[in-house]
Amino acid sequence: MRKYKDSEGRRIVEVDDLSYLGDRDHGYSWFQLHKKHHTTGWAVRKADIVIVPDETVAKDVVKYYLISKDKVVIRPLPQTPA
């Protein structure tokens, strides 16, 4: 997750992955998982725009954090050359 403001002063949050919320083998301790879930939720609720890499993450953000679909923008991650 990355947080920043754009040139117009809007709060933007980029969320790359939320698989840790549905996967039991995420590798986080109980405390780490809840801290990550809480801070991500706080950030996306306060954000004006939430940028995600694909439709799956967009659906998860709306589902887990109860934000409007209008705030979510899908922008694919850039491909790295092999």
PDB file of N, CA and C in Angstrom:
ATOM      1  N   MET A   1       0.846  -1.169   0.000  1.00  0.00           N
ATOM      2  CA  MET A   1       0.000   0.000   0.000  1.00  0.00           C
ATOM      3  C   MET A   1       0.897   1.239   0.000  1.00  0.00           C
ATOM      4  N   ARG A   2       0.564   2.185  -0.848  1.00  0.00           N
ATOM      5  CA  ARG A   2       1.271   3.464  -0.895  1.00  0.00           C
ATOM      6  C   ARG A   2       0.248   4.585  -0.790  1.00  0.00           C
ATOM      7  N   LYS A   3       0.590   5.627  -0.034  1.00  0.00           N
ATOM      8  CA  LYS A   3      -0.286   6.775   0.136  1.00  0.00           C
ATOM      9  C   LYS A   3       0.451   8.029  -0.303  1.00  0.00           C
ATOM     10  N   TYR A   4      -0.269   8.911  -1.000  1.00  0.00           N
ATOM     11  CA  TYR A   4       0.312  10.193  -1.395  1.00  0.00           C
ATOM     12  C   TYR A   4      -0.800  11.139  -1.824  1.00  0.00           C
ATOM     13  N   LYS A   5      -0.430  12.395  -2.069  1.00  0.00           N
ATOM     14  CA  LYS A   5      -1.372  13.388  -2.586  1.00  0.00           C
ATOM     15  C   LYS A   5      -0.934  13.782  -3.986  1.00  0.00           C
ATOM     16  N   ASP A   6      -1.912  14.007  -4.862  1.00  0.00           N
ATOM     17  CA  ASP A   6      -1.575  14.441  -6.209  1.00  0.00           C
ATOM     18  C   ASP A   6      -1.461  15.959  -6.248  1.00  0.00           C
ATOM     19  N   SER A   7      -1.243  16.511  -7.439  1.00  0.00           N
ATOM     20  CA  SER A   7      -1.031  17.955  -7.582  1.00  0.00           C
ATOM     21  C   SER A   7      -2.275  18.767  -7.230  1.00  0.00           C
ATOM     22  N   GLU A   8      -3.448  18.129  -7.242  1.00  0.00           N
ATOM     23  CA  GLU A   8      -4.686  18.821  -6.891  1.00  0.00           C
ATOM     24  C   GLU A   8      -5.042  18.657  -5.416  1.00  0.00           C
ATOM     25  N   GLY A   9      -4.194  17.963  -4.654  1.00  0.00           N
ATOM     26  CA  GLY A   9      -4.401  17.795  -3.226  1.00  0.00           C
ATOM     27  C   GLY A   9      -5.292  16.620  -2.852  1.00  0.00           C
ATOM     28  N   ARG A  10      -5.645  15.775  -3.817  1.00  0.00           N
ATOM     29  CA  ARG A  10      -6.483  14.609  -3.508  1.00  0.00           C
ATOM     30  C   ARG A  10      -5.628  13.518  -2.873  1.00  0.00           C
ATOM     31  N   ARG A  11      -6.201  12.842  -1.862  1.00  0.00           N
ATOM     32  CA  ARG A  11      -5.512  11.737  -1.198  1.00  0.00           C
ATOM     33  C   ARG A  11      -5.673  10.472  -2.039  1.00  0.00           C
ATOM     34  N   ILE A  12      -4.547   9.870  -2.402  1.00  0.00           N
ATOM     35  CA  ILE A  12      -4.547   8.689  -3.255  1.00  0.00           C
ATOM     36  C   ILE A  12      -3.880   7.541  -2.509  1.00  0.00           C
ATOM     37  N   VAL A  13      -4.500   6.370  -2.596  1.00  0.00           N
ATOM     38  CA  VAL A  13      -3.946   5.158  -2.002  1.00  0.00           C
ATOM     39  C   VAL A  13      -3.846   4.105  -3.097  1.00  0.00           C
ATOM     40  N   GLU A  14      -2.690   3.469  -3.199  1.00  0.00           N
ATOM     41  CA  GLU A  14      -2.500   2.367  -4.140  1.00  0.00           C
ATOM     42  C   GLU A  14      -2.463   1.068  -3.342  1.00  0.00           C
ATOM     43  N   VAL A  15      -3.341   0.133  -3.691  1.00  0.00           N
ATOM     44  CA  VAL A  15      -3.394  -1.174  -3.038  1.00  0.00           C
ATOM     45  C   VAL A  15      -3.048  -2.221  -4.088  1.00  0.00           C
ATOM     46  N   ASP A  16      -1.981  -2.980  -3.854  1.00  0.00           N
ATOM     47  CA  ASP A  16      -1.529  -3.961  -4.829  1.00  0.00           C
ATOM     48  C   ASP A  16      -2.154  -5.338  -4.630  1.00  0.00           C
ATOM     49  N   ASP A  17      -2.370  -5.733  -3.370  1.00  0.00           N
ATOM     50  CA  ASP A  17      -2.793  -7.098  -3.111  1.00  0.00           C
ATOM     51  C   ASP A  17      -3.510  -7.180  -1.764  1.00  0.00           C
ATOM     52  N   LEU A  18      -4.600  -7.925  -1.732  1.00  0.00           N
ATOM     53  CA  LEU A  18      -5.311  -8.174  -0.483  1.00  0.00           C
ATOM     54  C   LEU A  18      -5.481  -9.671  -0.226  1.00  0.00           C
ATOM     55  N   SER A  19      -4.636 -10.483  -0.827  1.00  0.00           N
ATOM     56  CA  SER A  19      -4.779 -11.933  -0.698  1.00  0.00           C
ATOM     57  C   SER A  19      -4.590 -12.406   0.740  1.00  0.00           C
ATOM     58  N   TYR A  20      -3.886 -11.630   1.560  1.00  0.00           N
ATOM     59  CA  TYR A  20      -3.679 -12.023   2.950  1.00  0.00           C
ATOM     60  C   TYR A  20      -4.991 -12.088   3.728  1.00  0.00           C
ATOM     61  N   LEU A  21      -6.047 -11.432   3.246  1.00  0.00           N
ATOM     62  CA  LEU A  21      -7.323 -11.456   3.956  1.00  0.00           C
ATOM     63  C   LEU A  21      -8.074 -12.766   3.764  1.00  0.00           C
ATOM     64  N   GLY A  22      -7.865 -13.437   2.649  1.00  0.00           N
ATOM     65  CA  GLY A  22      -8.584 -14.670   2.391  1.00  0.00           C
ATOM     66  C   GLY A  22      -7.728 -15.918   2.451  1.00  0.00           C
ATOM     67  N   ASP A  23      -6.417 -15.754   2.566  1.00  0.00           N
ATOM     68  CA  ASP A  23      -5.495 -16.878   2.538  1.00  0.00           C
ATOM     69  C   ASP A  23      -5.024 -17.205   3.950  1.00  0.00           C
ATOM     70  N   ARG A  24      -5.172 -18.451   4.359  1.00  0.00           N
ATOM     71  CA  ARG A  24      -4.740 -18.868   5.701  1.00  0.00           C
ATOM     72  C   ARG A  24      -3.216 -18.971   5.811  1.00  0.00           C
ATOM     73  N   ASP A  25      -2.521 -19.177   4.705  1.00  0.00           N
ATOM     74  CA  ASP A  25      -1.067 -19.331   4.714  1.00  0.00           C
ATOM     75  C   ASP A  25      -0.379 -18.037   4.310  1.00  0.00           C
ATOM     76  N   HIS A  26      -0.778 -16.932   4.928  1.00  0.00           N
ATOM     77  CA  HIS A  26      -0.249 -15.623   4.553  1.00  0.00           C
ATOM     78  C   HIS A  26       1.085 -15.317   5.192  1.00  0.00           C
ATOM     79  N   GLY A  27       1.444 -16.004   6.260  1.00  0.00           N
ATOM     80  CA  GLY A  27       2.735 -15.805   6.891  1.00  0.00           C
ATOM     81  C   GLY A  27       2.794 -14.672   7.897  1.00  0.00           C
ATOM     82  N   TYR A  28       1.672 -14.023   8.175  1.00  0.00           N
ATOM     83  CA  TYR A  28       1.641 -12.937   9.156  1.00  0.00           C
ATOM     84  C   TYR A  28       1.182 -13.469  10.510  1.00  0.00           C
ATOM     85  N   SER A  29       1.677 -12.873  11.586  1.00  0.00           N
ATOM     86  CA  SER A  29       1.163 -13.206  12.915  1.00  0.00           C
ATOM     87  C   SER A  29      -0.215 -12.566  13.069  1.00  0.00           C
ATOM     88  N   TRP A  30      -0.928 -12.946  14.109  1.00  0.00           N
ATOM     89  CA  TRP A  30      -2.250 -12.392  14.369  1.00  0.00           C
ATOM     90  C   TRP A  30      -2.173 -10.866  14.449  1.00  0.00           C
ATOM     91  N   PHE A  31      -1.198 -10.355  15.180  1.00  0.00           N
ATOM     92  CA  PHE A  31      -1.062  -8.904  15.353  1.00  0.00           C
ATOM     93  C   PHE A  31      -0.747  -8.216  14.030  1.00  0.00           C
ATOM     94  N   GLN A  32       0.193  -8.768  13.263  1.00  0.00           N
ATOM     95  CA  GLN A  32       0.567  -8.169  11.977  1.00  0.00           C
ATOM     96  C   GLN A  32      -0.622  -8.130  11.020  1.00  0.00           C
ATOM     97  N   LEU A  33      -1.392  -9.211  10.988  1.00  0.00           N
ATOM     98  CA  LEU A  33      -2.547  -9.280  10.104  1.00  0.00           C
ATOM     99  C   LEU A  33      -3.585  -8.217  10.457  1.00  0.00           C
ATOM    100  N   HIS A  34      -3.913  -8.096  11.732  1.00  0.00           N
ATOM    101  CA  HIS A  34      -4.913  -7.115  12.128  1.00  0.00           C
ATOM    102  C   HIS A  34      -4.424  -5.682  11.985  1.00  0.00           C
ATOM    103  N   LYS A  35      -3.144  -5.451  12.224  1.00  0.00           N
ATOM    104  CA  LYS A  35      -2.594  -4.103  12.022  1.00  0.00           C
ATOM    105  C   LYS A  35      -2.638  -3.734  10.546  1.00  0.00           C
ATOM    106  N   LYS A  36      -2.258  -4.672   9.679  1.00  0.00           N
ATOM    107  CA  LYS A  36      -2.269  -4.420   8.233  1.00  0.00           C
ATOM    108  C   LYS A  36      -3.694  -4.170   7.746  1.00  0.00           C
ATOM    109  N   HIS A  37      -4.636  -4.987   8.216  1.00  0.00           N
ATOM    110  CA  HIS A  37      -6.044  -4.837   7.830  1.00  0.00           C
ATOM    111  C   HIS A  37      -6.591  -3.492   8.317  1.00  0.00           C
ATOM    112  N   HIS A  38      -6.283  -3.117   9.546  1.00  0.00           N
ATOM    113  CA  HIS A  38      -6.781  -1.856  10.103  1.00  0.00           C
ATOM    114  C   HIS A  38      -6.185  -0.643   9.389  1.00  0.00           C
ATOM    115  N   THR A  39      -4.877  -0.639   9.162  1.00  0.00           N
ATOM    116  CA  THR A  39      -4.252   0.530   8.526  1.00  0.00           C
ATOM    117  C   THR A  39      -4.674   0.662   7.067  1.00  0.00           C
ATOM    118  N   THR A  40      -4.826  -0.467   6.374  1.00  0.00           N
ATOM    119  CA  THR A  40      -5.298  -0.414   4.987  1.00  0.00           C
ATOM    120  C   THR A  40      -6.726   0.105   4.936  1.00  0.00           C
ATOM    121  N   GLY A  41      -7.575  -0.392   5.829  1.00  0.00           N
ATOM    122  CA  GLY A  41      -8.962   0.066   5.877  1.00  0.00           C
ATOM    123  C   GLY A  41      -9.071   1.550   6.167  1.00  0.00           C
ATOM    124  N   TRP A  42      -8.282   2.017   7.114  1.00  0.00           N
ATOM    125  CA  TRP A  42      -8.306   3.442   7.451  1.00  0.00           C
ATOM    126  C   TRP A  42      -7.874   4.273   6.249  1.00  0.00           C
ATOM    127  N   ALA A  43      -6.820   3.833   5.577  1.00  0.00           N
ATOM    128  CA  ALA A  43      -6.290   4.596   4.441  1.00  0.00           C
ATOM    129  C   ALA A  43      -7.281   4.647   3.283  1.00  0.00           C
ATOM    130  N   VAL A  44      -7.908   3.516   2.927  1.00  0.00           N
ATOM    131  CA  VAL A  44      -8.818   3.534   1.780  1.00  0.00           C
ATOM    132  C   VAL A  44     -10.103   4.286   2.094  1.00  0.00           C
ATOM    133  N   ARG A  45     -10.541   4.280   3.326  1.00  0.00           N
ATOM    134  CA  ARG A  45     -11.743   5.051   3.668  1.00  0.00           C
ATOM    135  C   ARG A  45     -11.476   6.550   3.636  1.00  0.00           C
ATOM    136  N   LYS A  46     -10.270   6.976   3.997  1.00  0.00           N
ATOM    137  CA  LYS A  46      -9.915   8.398   3.984  1.00  0.00           C
ATOM    138  C   LYS A  46      -9.524   8.897   2.585  1.00  0.00           C
ATOM    139  N   ALA A  47      -9.183   7.977   1.690  1.00  0.00           N
ATOM    140  CA  ALA A  47      -8.683   8.354   0.369  1.00  0.00           C
ATOM    141  C   ALA A  47      -9.790   8.915  -0.525  1.00  0.00           C
ATOM    142  N   ASP A  48      -9.394   9.798  -1.416  1.00  0.00           N
ATOM    143  CA  ASP A  48     -10.298  10.285  -2.452  1.00  0.00           C
ATOM    144  C   ASP A  48     -10.313   9.335  -3.640  1.00  0.00           C
ATOM    145  N   ILE A  49      -9.158   8.701  -3.910  1.00  0.00           N
ATOM    146  CA  ILE A  49      -9.019   7.761  -5.014  1.00  0.00           C
ATOM    147  C   ILE A  49      -8.234   6.557  -4.519  1.00  0.00           C
ATOM    148  N   VAL A  50      -8.714   5.355  -4.864  1.00  0.00           N
ATOM    149  CA  VAL A  50      -8.003   4.119  -4.534  1.00  0.00           C
ATOM    150  C   VAL A  50      -7.617   3.464  -5.860  1.00  0.00           C
ATOM    151  N   ILE A  51      -6.319   3.286  -6.085  1.00  0.00           N
ATOM    152  CA  ILE A  51      -5.824   2.694  -7.320  1.00  0.00           C
ATOM    153  C   ILE A  51      -5.480   1.233  -7.064  1.00  0.00           C
ATOM    154  N   VAL A  52      -6.002   0.348  -7.922  1.00  0.00           N
ATOM    155  CA  VAL A  52      -5.760  -1.087  -7.800  1.00  0.00           C
ATOM    156  C   VAL A  52      -5.290  -1.639  -9.143  1.00  0.00           C
ATOM    157  N   PRO A  53      -4.593  -2.801  -9.146  1.00  0.00           N
ATOM    158  CA  PRO A  53      -4.049  -3.317 -10.403  1.00  0.00           C
ATOM    159  C   PRO A  53      -5.023  -4.124 -11.253  1.00  0.00           C
ATOM    160  N   ASP A  54      -6.093  -4.666 -10.660  1.00  0.00           N
ATOM    161  CA  ASP A  54      -7.017  -5.479 -11.455  1.00  0.00           C
ATOM    162  C   ASP A  54      -8.403  -5.531 -10.809  1.00  0.00           C
ATOM    163  N   GLU A  55      -9.333  -6.151 -11.526  1.00  0.00           N
ATOM    164  CA  GLU A  55     -10.725  -6.222 -11.086  1.00  0.00           C
ATOM    165  C   GLU A  55     -10.893  -7.015  -9.792  1.00  0.00           C
ATOM    166  N   THR A  56     -10.090  -8.050  -9.594  1.00  0.00           N
ATOM    167  CA  THR A  56     -10.178  -8.867  -8.386  1.00  0.00           C
ATOM    168  C   THR A  56      -9.869  -8.048  -7.140  1.00  0.00           C
ATOM    169  N   VAL A  57      -8.797  -7.285  -7.192  1.00  0.00           N
ATOM    170  CA  VAL A  57      -8.427  -6.444  -6.050  1.00  0.00           C
ATOM    171  C   VAL A  57      -9.474  -5.350  -5.857  1.00  0.00           C
ATOM    172  N   ALA A  58     -10.027  -4.820  -6.937  1.00  0.00           N
ATOM    173  CA  ALA A  58     -11.071  -3.801  -6.838  1.00  0.00           C
ATOM    174  C   ALA A  58     -12.288  -4.355  -6.096  1.00  0.00           C
ATOM    175  N   LYS A  59     -12.705  -5.561  -6.440  1.00  0.00           N
ATOM    176  CA  LYS A  59     -13.843  -6.182  -5.757  1.00  0.00           C
ATOM    177  C   LYS A  59     -13.540  -6.438  -4.286  1.00  0.00           C
ATOM    178  N   ASP A  60     -12.305  -6.881  -3.987  1.00  0.00           N
ATOM    179  CA  ASP A  60     -11.925  -7.130  -2.595  1.00  0.00           C
ATOM    180  C   ASP A  60     -11.911  -5.847  -1.773  1.00  0.00           C
ATOM    181  N   VAL A  61     -11.424  -4.755  -2.349  1.00  0.00           N
ATOM    182  CA  VAL A  61     -11.395  -3.475  -1.622  1.00  0.00           C
ATOM    183  C   VAL A  61     -12.818  -3.034  -1.275  1.00  0.00           C
ATOM    184  N   VAL A  62     -13.720  -3.138  -2.230  1.00  0.00           N
ATOM    185  CA  VAL A  62     -15.114  -2.752  -1.995  1.00  0.00           C
ATOM    186  C   VAL A  62     -15.757  -3.696  -0.975  1.00  0.00           C
ATOM    187  N   LYS A  63     -15.463  -4.993  -1.085  1.00  0.00           N
ATOM    188  CA  LYS A  63     -16.060  -5.994  -0.195  1.00  0.00           C
ATOM    189  C   LYS A  63     -15.564  -5.864   1.246  1.00  0.00           C
ATOM    190  N   TYR A  64     -14.247  -5.809   1.443  1.00  0.00           N
ATOM    191  CA  TYR A  64     -13.681  -5.832   2.782  1.00  0.00           C
ATOM    192  C   TYR A  64     -13.702  -4.478   3.487  1.00  0.00           C
ATOM    193  N   TYR A  65     -13.681  -3.386   2.733  1.00  0.00           N
ATOM    194  CA  TYR A  65     -13.573  -2.073   3.357  1.00  0.00           C
ATOM    195  C   TYR A  65     -14.796  -1.196   3.145  1.00  0.00           C
ATOM    196  N   LEU A  66     -15.817  -1.721   2.482  1.00  0.00           N
ATOM    197  CA  LEU A  66     -17.115  -1.053   2.349  1.00  0.00           C
ATOM    198  C   LEU A  66     -17.005   0.373   1.817  1.00  0.00           C
ATOM    199  N   ILE A  67     -16.248   0.541   0.738  1.00  0.00           N
ATOM    200  CA  ILE A  67     -16.146   1.864   0.112  1.00  0.00           C
ATOM    201  C   ILE A  67     -16.913   1.845  -1.208  1.00  0.00           C
ATOM    202  N   SER A  68     -17.171   2.994  -1.740  1.00  0.00           N
ATOM    203  CA  SER A  68     -17.900   3.123  -2.994  1.00  0.00           C
ATOM    204  C   SER A  68     -17.040   2.669  -4.176  1.00  0.00           C
ATOM    205  N   LYS A  69     -17.678   2.019  -5.144  1.00  0.00           N
ATOM    206  CA  LYS A  69     -16.970   1.606  -6.358  1.00  0.00           C
ATOM    207  C   LYS A  69     -16.461   2.813  -7.141  1.00  0.00           C
ATOM    208  N   ASP A  70     -17.087   3.971  -6.936  1.00  0.00           N
ATOM    209  CA  ASP A  70     -16.694   5.182  -7.651  1.00  0.00           C
ATOM    210  C   ASP A  70     -15.294   5.666  -7.261  1.00  0.00           C
ATOM    211  N   LYS A  71     -14.828   5.323  -6.053  1.00  0.00           N
ATOM    212  CA  LYS A  71     -13.505   5.738  -5.595  1.00  0.00           C
ATOM    213  C   LYS A  71     -12.387   4.870  -6.159  1.00  0.00           C
ATOM    214  N   VAL A  72     -12.742   3.685  -6.682  1.00  0.00           N
ATOM    215  CA  VAL A  72     -11.741   2.714  -7.111  1.00  0.00           C
ATOM    216  C   VAL A  72     -11.422   2.884  -8.595  1.00  0.00           C
ATOM    217  N   VAL A  73     -10.135   2.988  -8.896  1.00  0.00           N
ATOM    218  CA  VAL A  73      -9.654   3.117 -10.272  1.00  0.00           C
ATOM    219  C   VAL A  73      -8.727   1.940 -10.555  1.00  0.00           C
ATOM    220  N   ILE A  74      -8.988   1.246 -11.663  1.00  0.00           N
ATOM    221  CA  ILE A  74      -8.133   0.109 -12.024  1.00  0.00           C
ATOM    222  C   ILE A  74      -7.049   0.588 -12.967  1.00  0.00           C
ATOM    223  N   ARG A  75      -5.790   0.404 -12.527  1.00  0.00           N
ATOM    224  CA  ARG A  75      -4.640   0.774 -13.340  1.00  0.00           C
ATOM    225  C   ARG A  75      -3.664  -0.400 -13.269  1.00  0.00           C
ATOM    226  N   PRO A  76      -3.510  -1.153 -14.381  1.00  0.00           N
ATOM    227  CA  PRO A  76      -2.640  -2.339 -14.363  1.00  0.00           C
ATOM    228  C   PRO A  76      -1.205  -1.987 -14.004  1.00  0.00           C
ATOM    229  N   LEU A  77      -0.539  -2.933 -13.333  1.00  0.00           N
ATOM    230  CA  LEU A  77       0.864  -2.751 -12.993  1.00  0.00           C
ATOM    231  C   LEU A  77       1.704  -2.804 -14.263  1.00  0.00           C
ATOM    232  N   PRO A  78       2.778  -2.023 -14.332  1.00  0.00           N
ATOM    233  CA  PRO A  78       3.637  -2.066 -15.524  1.00  0.00           C
ATOM    234  C   PRO A  78       4.357  -3.417 -15.624  1.00  0.00           C
ATOM    235  N   GLN A  79       4.498  -3.896 -16.843  1.00  0.00           N
ATOM    236  CA  GLN A  79       5.185  -5.165 -17.085  1.00  0.00           C
ATOM    237  C   GLN A  79       6.693  -4.943 -17.052  1.00  0.00           C
ATOM    238  N   THR A  80       7.395  -5.833 -16.369  1.00  0.00           N
ATOM    239  CA  THR A  80       8.849  -5.737 -16.339  1.00  0.00           C
ATOM    240  C   THR A  80       9.428  -6.601 -17.450  1.00  0.00           C
ATOM    241  N   PRO A  81      10.438  -6.116 -18.150  1.00  0.00           N
ATOM    242  CA  PRO A  81      11.041  -6.918 -19.217  1.00  0.00           C
ATOM    243  C   PRO A  81      11.767  -8.138 -18.645  1.00  0.00           C
ATOM    244  N   ALA A  82      11.689  -9.239 -19.362  1.00  0.00           N
ATOM    245  CA  ALA A  82      12.304 -10.485 -18.889  1.00  0.00           C
ATOM    246  C   ALA A  82      13.790 -10.519 -19.115  1.00  0.00           C
TER     247      ALA A  82
END
